[in-house]
C-alpha cells in the first residue's frame, strides 16, 4: 500500500513539472525574470537584464560627514619637491546641495589644537599668511546647528583670514556627552587657551569677536554676556590673560529658551537635551542658559542677524535681545534678512557676510591694513 502511494505521488509530481515547464516556455520565463528583480546580490552578479537598485537618499548626517571630508581634502599643505603639483590632483566633489567650505587662500591652518583632555575639546586656527607685526584681531567661531551635532570643520568665516583676521573654529562637548553649562565652559576654556598663547599666534587678546550660528550663536552670546562671577574659577596668576571678548555676533540664534514655543518644550528637543530635561520642568536651567537674562551694561557690542522667512529661529528672539541690549545702553545692531536661516550664514559676498565685516571693522578691526599681499 505504501509503495503504491509513493508511486502515485511521483507520477503526479512529474506531471506537474511537465505542465509548469510547458507554461514557462509559452510565456518566455517571465515569472523567473520577475523573481530576480529584487535580487539582493550586486548588480554584476545578478541575472541579465536586472538593473542595479536605486541608491537611498543621503541623510543629513551623511551629507555633513561628506562636507567635512571635502573641507579637509581641499586644504593643501605646503608641498615638497616630491609632491605632485596641486593641479594634477583630482578635485574633491561636494555632496549635492551642500556647499564645500575650504580654507581661505593665503592662510596658514593649525588644526586639531587641544584645549582640554576630552576628545571633543579641540580647535582649528586659521592665520593670514603674510601678516607682519602681530596683534591680529581674533574671530572665534562656535559651530551649530544645535548642541548635539556639527563640528569645527563647518566654519563659514575662514575667508576672513584673507582680510587679516585670525579665525579660530572650536569644538565643544555635545549635549549627548554633558548638559549645560559644560558647553559654555568649553567655549570659554578654548578662548582662554588661545589667549594664553597670543604671542605665539600673533593675536591681540583685547580684540576678540566671538560669533556663531544657531546653537553656536547662542553659546557666543553667553560667552559675551555671562558675568565674571558666573565664569569658571581659575587659579590667580599675575600672567593670567584677560579673555573677555570685545564683540559678539549671533546668526539665527535662540536667545531665550523658555519662550521658543511648544515644539521646543518636548523632552526630545535640542533645547531640552541641552539643559537635561523638558524646558517647562527645567525652567531654572533654561533661564540660566538664555543669553537674554544675562544682559547688562558691561556687555560688548552685538550684531544680531536673522532670516525672516520662518525657516529658523523666530525673529522675535533677536528683537527681544536687541531691545534688552539697547535698554542697558549696549551697542546693538539687528539685521533681519529677507531669506531663510540657511542664507543667514556669513559667507563671502553675502548680505550676512557684508554686515559681519562692517561690524568687525567697527568693533575689533580694521585688520586689512596689516595684510601684505
Protein backbone atom coordinates (compact mmCIF):
# COMPACT_ATOMS: atom_id res chain seq x y z
CA UNK A 1 0.00 0.00 0.00
CA UNK A 2 2.80 2.42 0.97
CA UNK A 3 4.76 1.61 -2.21
CA UNK A 4 1.64 2.19 -4.32
CA UNK A 5 1.01 5.64 -2.71
CA UNK A 6 4.64 6.66 -3.25
CA UNK A 7 4.43 5.69 -6.91
CA UNK A 8 1.26 7.72 -7.33
CA UNK A 9 2.90 10.80 -5.73
CA UNK A 10 5.92 10.54 -8.00
CA UNK A 11 3.72 10.28 -11.08
CA UNK A 12 1.67 13.31 -10.04
CA UNK A 13 4.88 15.29 -9.41
CA UNK A 14 6.29 14.51 -12.83
CA UNK A 15 3.03 15.56 -14.46
CA UNK A 16 3.04 18.90 -12.62
CA UNK A 17 6.66 19.61 -13.61
CA UNK A 18 5.84 18.92 -17.24
CA UNK A 19 2.85 21.26 -17.06
CA UNK A 20 4.86 24.11 -15.44
CA UNK A 21 7.68 23.66 -17.99
CA UNK A 22 5.33 23.92 -20.96
CA UNK A 23 3.64 27.00 -19.44
CA UNK A 24 7.02 28.70 -18.78
CA UNK A 25 8.10 28.08 -22.37
CA UNK A 26 4.87 29.63 -23.58
CA UNK A 27 5.36 32.80 -21.50
CA UNK A 28 9.07 33.29 -22.11
CA UNK A 29 10.06 32.64 -18.46
CA UNK A 30 8.51 35.96 -17.43
CA UNK A 31 7.89 34.66 -13.92
CA UNK A 32 11.56 33.82 -13.47
CA UNK A 33 12.60 37.31 -14.58
CA UNK A 34 10.25 38.93 -12.06
CA UNK A 35 11.61 36.76 -9.28
CA UNK A 36 15.14 38.09 -9.91
CA UNK A 37 14.32 41.79 -9.99
CA UNK A 38 14.78 42.22 -6.24
CA UNK A 39 17.93 40.12 -6.08
CA UNK A 40 19.98 41.39 -3.10
CA UNK A 41 23.28 40.46 -4.75
CA UNK A 42 25.45 43.11 -6.52
CA UNK A 43 24.24 44.02 -9.98
CA UNK A 44 27.31 42.42 -11.56
CA UNK A 45 26.25 39.03 -10.16
CA UNK A 46 22.54 39.32 -10.92
CA UNK A 47 20.96 37.67 -13.97
CA UNK A 48 20.63 39.85 -17.05
CA UNK A 49 18.71 42.12 -17.63
CA UNK A 50 18.34 43.15 -13.95
CA UNK A 51 19.05 46.87 -13.29
CA UNK A 52 21.05 48.00 -10.22
CA UNK A 53 18.83 49.06 -7.31
CA UNK A 54 18.34 52.79 -6.77
CA UNK A 55 20.57 54.26 -4.06
CA UNK A 56 18.97 55.67 -0.97
CA UNK A 57 18.83 59.40 -0.39
CA UNK A 58 21.71 60.66 1.74
CA UNK A 59 20.88 61.60 5.30
CA UNK A 60 21.78 64.98 6.74
CA UNK A 61 24.44 63.39 8.91
CA UNK A 62 25.99 61.68 5.88
CA UNK A 63 25.98 64.96 3.98
CA UNK A 64 27.71 66.69 6.88
CA UNK A 65 30.36 63.95 7.02
CA UNK A 66 30.89 64.33 3.28
CA UNK A 67 31.16 68.09 3.67
CA UNK A 68 33.82 67.71 6.34
CA UNK A 69 35.78 65.29 4.13
CA UNK A 70 35.65 67.80 1.29
CA UNK A 71 36.85 70.57 3.59
CA UNK A 72 39.81 68.50 4.80
CA UNK A 73 40.79 67.20 1.37
CA UNK A 74 40.59 70.62 -0.28
CA UNK A 75 43.20 72.16 2.01
CA UNK A 76 46.66 71.58 0.59
CA UNK A 77 49.60 71.58 2.98
CA UNK A 78 52.92 73.09 1.79
CA UNK A 79 54.30 70.76 -0.86
CA UNK A 80 57.75 69.25 -1.11
CA UNK A 81 59.64 68.64 -4.38
CA UNK A 82 58.42 65.02 -4.37
CA UNK A 83 54.76 66.05 -4.03
CA UNK A 84 52.76 66.28 -7.30
CA UNK A 85 51.55 69.79 -8.16
CA UNK A 86 48.11 70.68 -6.87
CA UNK A 87 46.77 70.98 -10.40
CA UNK A 88 47.49 67.31 -11.01
CA UNK A 89 45.47 66.18 -8.02
CA UNK A 90 41.79 65.30 -8.54
CA UNK A 91 39.41 67.94 -7.22
CA UNK A 92 37.17 66.97 -4.33
CA UNK A 93 33.48 66.87 -5.13
CA UNK A 94 30.98 68.16 -2.58
CA UNK A 95 27.76 66.28 -1.88
CA UNK A 96 24.74 67.68 -3.77
CA UNK A 97 23.26 70.91 -2.38
CA UNK A 98 25.97 71.13 0.31
CA UNK A 99 28.48 73.97 -0.20
CA UNK A 100 32.08 72.91 0.38
CA UNK A 101 33.92 75.01 2.95
CA UNK A 102 37.60 75.22 2.03
CA UNK A 103 40.47 77.04 3.68
CA UNK A 104 40.90 80.61 2.52
CA UNK A 105 43.75 81.36 0.14
CA UNK A 106 46.99 82.78 1.57
CA UNK A 107 46.34 81.34 5.02
CA UNK A 108 48.17 79.05 7.41
CA UNK A 109 45.98 76.49 9.20
CA UNK A 110 46.86 74.94 12.55
CA UNK A 111 44.49 72.01 13.01
CA UNK A 112 43.43 69.84 15.92
CA UNK A 113 44.80 72.05 18.67
CA UNK A 114 43.85 70.87 22.17
CA UNK A 115 42.44 72.98 24.97
CA UNK A 116 41.31 70.10 27.23
CA UNK A 117 41.56 66.39 27.86
CA UNK A 118 38.27 65.43 26.19
CA UNK A 119 38.49 64.37 22.50
CA UNK A 120 35.88 67.00 21.67
CA UNK A 121 37.88 69.86 23.15
CA UNK A 122 39.80 70.91 20.06
CA UNK A 123 40.10 73.97 17.82
CA UNK A 124 41.46 74.89 14.39
CA UNK A 125 43.22 78.21 13.89
CA UNK A 126 43.41 79.99 10.51
CA UNK A 127 46.06 82.72 10.32
CA UNK A 128 46.82 85.10 7.44
CA UNK A 129 50.00 84.22 5.56
CA UNK A 130 51.88 87.47 5.07
CA UNK A 131 50.76 89.45 8.09
CA UNK A 132 53.51 91.35 9.85
CA UNK A 133 53.69 92.95 13.26
CA UNK A 134 51.35 90.55 15.07
CA UNK A 135 48.38 91.88 17.04
CA UNK A 136 45.77 90.24 14.81
CA UNK A 137 42.12 90.62 15.76
CA UNK A 138 40.61 87.19 16.50
CA UNK A 139 37.27 85.77 15.43
CA UNK A 140 36.20 82.75 17.49
CA UNK A 141 33.58 80.78 15.56
CA UNK A 142 31.31 78.38 17.52
CA UNK A 143 29.50 75.86 15.35
CA UNK A 144 25.85 74.82 15.28
CA UNK A 145 23.31 73.85 14.17
CA UNK A 146 22.31 72.51 17.59
CA UNK A 147 24.24 71.48 20.69
CA UNK A 148 24.31 67.84 19.62
CA UNK A 149 25.63 67.82 16.04
CA UNK A 150 28.05 69.77 13.88
CA UNK A 151 31.80 70.28 14.14
CA UNK A 152 34.53 72.90 13.95
CA UNK A 153 35.11 71.91 10.32
CA UNK A 154 31.83 73.66 9.45
CA UNK A 155 33.19 77.21 9.64
CA UNK A 156 31.76 79.65 7.06
CA UNK A 157 34.06 82.56 8.00
CA UNK A 158 37.52 81.14 7.20
CA UNK A 159 37.64 83.52 4.24
CA UNK A 160 38.08 86.41 6.70
CA UNK A 161 41.66 85.24 7.27
CA UNK A 162 42.40 86.68 3.81
CA UNK A 163 41.46 90.09 5.18
CA UNK A 164 43.89 89.97 8.09
CA UNK A 165 41.77 88.34 10.80
CA UNK A 166 42.78 85.29 12.78
CA UNK A 167 39.90 82.78 12.74
CA UNK A 168 39.54 80.06 15.38
CA UNK A 169 36.85 77.40 14.94
CA UNK A 170 36.21 75.43 18.12
CA UNK A 171 34.52 72.20 19.15
CA UNK A 172 32.80 71.62 22.48
CA UNK A 173 31.25 68.72 24.34
CA UNK A 174 27.84 67.95 22.89
CA UNK A 175 24.58 67.62 24.80
CA UNK A 176 24.94 63.84 24.44
CA UNK A 177 28.15 63.98 26.48
CA UNK A 178 27.26 66.62 29.07
CA UNK A 179 24.46 69.04 29.91
CA UNK A 180 24.71 72.80 30.18
CA UNK A 181 26.85 74.66 31.30
CA UNK A 182 29.55 72.24 30.05
CA UNK A 183 29.29 73.70 26.53
CA UNK A 184 29.75 77.27 27.80
CA UNK A 185 32.69 76.20 29.98
CA UNK A 186 34.32 74.61 26.95
CA UNK A 187 33.94 77.71 24.81
CA UNK A 188 35.50 79.87 27.48
CA UNK A 189 38.29 77.35 28.02
CA UNK A 190 39.08 77.40 24.29
CA UNK A 191 39.28 81.19 24.22
CA UNK A 192 41.43 81.14 27.35
CA UNK A 193 43.82 78.61 25.78
CA UNK A 194 44.19 80.70 22.63
CA UNK A 195 44.77 83.89 24.63
CA UNK A 196 47.41 82.10 26.72
CA UNK A 197 49.41 81.64 23.50
CA UNK A 198 48.50 85.01 21.98
CA UNK A 199 52.13 85.97 21.45
CA UNK A 200 52.87 82.67 19.69
CA UNK A 201 49.87 83.04 17.38
CA UNK A 202 50.37 86.78 16.84
CA UNK A 203 46.90 87.58 18.22
CA UNK A 204 45.74 90.66 20.11
CA UNK A 205 43.73 89.26 23.06
CA UNK A 206 41.96 92.61 23.52
CA UNK A 207 40.37 92.39 20.06
CA UNK A 208 38.28 89.21 20.13
CA UNK A 209 34.90 88.77 18.48
CA UNK A 210 33.05 85.59 19.37
CA UNK A 211 30.46 84.51 16.82
CA UNK A 212 28.32 81.56 15.82
CA UNK A 213 25.18 80.35 14.11
CA UNK A 214 22.25 78.57 15.72
CA UNK A 215 23.47 76.86 18.88
CA UNK A 216 26.89 78.41 18.23
CA UNK A 217 25.40 81.90 18.26
CA UNK A 218 23.57 81.06 21.47
CA UNK A 219 26.85 79.99 23.13
CA UNK A 220 28.67 83.02 21.70
CA UNK A 221 26.13 85.31 23.35
CA UNK A 222 26.53 83.51 26.67
CA UNK A 223 30.32 83.87 26.44
CA UNK A 224 29.91 87.61 25.91
CA UNK A 225 27.12 88.30 28.40
CA UNK A 226 27.85 85.97 31.33
CA UNK A 227 29.01 87.90 34.39
CA UNK A 228 32.55 87.28 35.74
CA UNK A 229 31.25 85.65 38.91
CA UNK A 230 29.45 83.04 36.79
CA UNK A 231 32.55 82.01 34.87
CA UNK A 232 34.78 79.03 35.71
CA UNK A 233 37.12 79.73 38.61
CA UNK A 234 40.79 79.79 37.62
CA UNK A 235 43.88 79.95 39.77
CA UNK A 236 45.01 83.50 40.43
CA UNK A 237 48.13 84.40 38.45
CA UNK A 238 49.86 87.64 37.56
CA UNK A 239 50.30 86.49 33.95
CA UNK A 240 46.75 85.21 33.58
CA UNK A 241 45.42 86.55 30.24
CA UNK A 242 42.28 88.63 30.00
CA UNK A 243 39.96 86.55 27.81
CA UNK A 244 37.00 88.92 27.82
CA UNK A 245 35.61 89.46 24.32
CA UNK A 246 35.31 92.82 22.61
CA UNK A 247 32.34 91.97 20.37
CA UNK A 248 29.76 89.26 19.71
CA UNK A 249 27.82 88.25 16.58
CA UNK A 250 24.78 85.95 16.51
CA UNK A 251 23.34 84.39 13.36
CA UNK A 252 19.87 82.82 13.63
CA UNK A 253 20.44 82.05 17.31
CA UNK A 254 17.93 81.39 20.12
CA UNK A 255 18.24 83.93 22.92
CA UNK A 256 15.50 82.91 25.40
CA UNK A 257 14.86 79.17 25.62
CA UNK A 258 11.61 79.18 27.69
CA UNK A 259 9.79 81.26 25.05
CA UNK A 260 10.79 79.32 21.93
CA UNK A 261 7.41 77.60 21.70
CA UNK A 262 5.64 74.32 22.41
CA UNK A 263 7.66 72.32 19.87
CA UNK A 264 10.82 73.11 21.84
CA UNK A 265 9.31 72.22 25.21
CA UNK A 266 9.11 68.49 24.49
CA UNK A 267 11.69 66.22 26.11
CA UNK A 268 13.36 65.26 22.84
CA UNK A 269 14.00 68.78 21.58
CA UNK A 270 17.56 70.08 21.20
CA UNK A 271 16.99 72.70 23.89
CA UNK A 272 15.61 70.18 26.37
CA UNK A 273 18.56 67.87 25.75
CA UNK A 274 20.87 70.79 26.44
CA UNK A 275 19.50 71.53 29.92
CA UNK A 276 18.83 67.89 30.85
CA UNK A 277 15.05 67.64 30.53
CA UNK A 278 11.83 69.27 29.23
CA UNK A 279 12.13 73.05 29.35
CA UNK A 280 8.94 73.59 31.42
CA UNK A 281 10.21 71.19 34.09
CA UNK A 282 13.78 72.54 33.98
CA UNK A 283 12.78 76.18 33.76
CA UNK A 284 15.51 77.46 36.08
CA UNK A 285 18.20 75.76 34.00
CA UNK A 286 16.55 77.03 30.80
CA UNK A 287 16.60 80.59 32.17
CA UNK A 288 20.25 80.28 33.12
CA UNK A 289 21.03 79.03 29.62
CA UNK A 290 19.29 82.03 27.99
CA UNK A 291 21.51 84.95 26.89
CA UNK A 292 18.61 87.39 27.27
CA UNK A 293 18.58 87.11 31.08
CA UNK A 294 22.32 87.87 31.34
CA UNK A 295 22.26 91.24 29.56
CA UNK A 296 23.97 94.06 31.47
CA UNK A 297 25.51 97.48 30.81
CA UNK A 298 29.01 95.93 30.71
CA UNK A 299 28.28 93.75 27.66
CA UNK A 300 30.27 94.21 24.41
CA UNK A 301 28.72 95.47 21.14
CA UNK A 302 26.48 92.91 19.47
CA UNK A 303 25.43 92.06 15.92
CA UNK A 304 22.20 90.05 15.63
CA UNK A 305 21.37 88.60 12.18
CA UNK A 306 18.23 86.61 11.45
CA UNK A 307 16.16 85.48 8.49
CA UNK A 308 12.53 86.49 8.13
CA UNK A 309 11.03 83.60 6.14
CA UNK A 310 10.27 81.30 9.06
CA UNK A 311 12.87 78.61 8.41
CA UNK A 312 14.84 79.17 11.59
CA UNK A 313 14.60 80.84 14.98
CA UNK A 314 11.69 83.26 15.36
CA UNK A 315 12.62 86.87 14.62
CA UNK A 316 11.15 87.84 17.99
CA UNK A 317 14.11 86.13 19.69
CA UNK A 318 16.53 88.56 18.09
CA UNK A 319 14.24 91.54 18.55
CA UNK A 320 13.93 90.93 22.29
CA UNK A 321 17.69 90.64 22.73
CA UNK A 322 18.30 93.77 20.67
CA UNK A 323 15.77 95.72 22.76
CA UNK A 324 17.29 94.49 26.04
CA UNK A 325 20.82 95.46 24.97
CA UNK A 326 19.72 98.90 23.86
CA UNK A 327 17.84 99.42 27.12
CA UNK A 328 21.04 98.56 29.00
CA UNK A 329 23.00 101.09 26.96
CA UNK A 330 24.89 98.49 24.92
CA UNK A 331 25.59 99.00 21.22
CA UNK A 332 23.42 96.56 19.29
CA UNK A 333 22.65 96.11 15.60
CA UNK A 334 19.74 93.95 14.45
CA UNK A 335 19.78 92.83 10.81
CA UNK A 336 16.71 90.94 9.53
CA UNK A 337 17.32 89.42 6.11
CA UNK A 338 14.62 88.58 3.59
CA UNK A 339 15.79 84.97 3.49
CA UNK A 340 15.65 81.63 5.27
CA UNK A 341 18.01 80.52 8.02
CA UNK A 342 20.24 78.67 5.54
CA UNK A 343 21.12 82.00 3.89
CA UNK A 344 21.96 83.74 7.18
CA UNK A 345 25.45 82.20 7.44
CA UNK A 346 28.08 84.95 6.95
CA UNK A 347 29.71 83.53 3.82
CA UNK A 348 31.77 85.55 1.40
CA UNK A 349 29.81 88.01 -0.78
CA UNK A 350 26.51 87.55 1.07
CA UNK A 351 24.42 90.18 2.89
CA UNK A 352 25.18 88.48 6.20
CA UNK A 353 28.90 88.36 5.40
CA UNK A 354 28.92 92.04 4.45
CA UNK A 355 27.16 93.04 7.66
CA UNK A 356 29.66 90.97 9.64
CA UNK A 357 32.70 92.63 8.01
CA UNK A 358 31.32 96.11 8.69
CA UNK A 359 30.65 95.14 12.30
CA UNK A 360 34.17 93.73 12.72
CA UNK A 361 35.80 96.83 11.24
CA UNK A 362 33.85 98.95 13.67
CA UNK A 363 34.49 96.89 16.81
CA UNK A 364 37.74 94.88 16.60
CA UNK A 365 39.29 95.98 13.27
CA UNK A 366 40.19 97.11 10.80
CA UNK A 367 42.56 94.28 10.01
CA UNK A 368 43.08 94.51 6.24
CA UNK A 369 45.82 97.15 6.62
CA UNK A 370 48.00 94.57 8.35
CA UNK A 371 47.78 92.10 5.49
CA UNK A 372 50.52 92.05 2.87
CA UNK A 373 49.60 90.54 -0.49
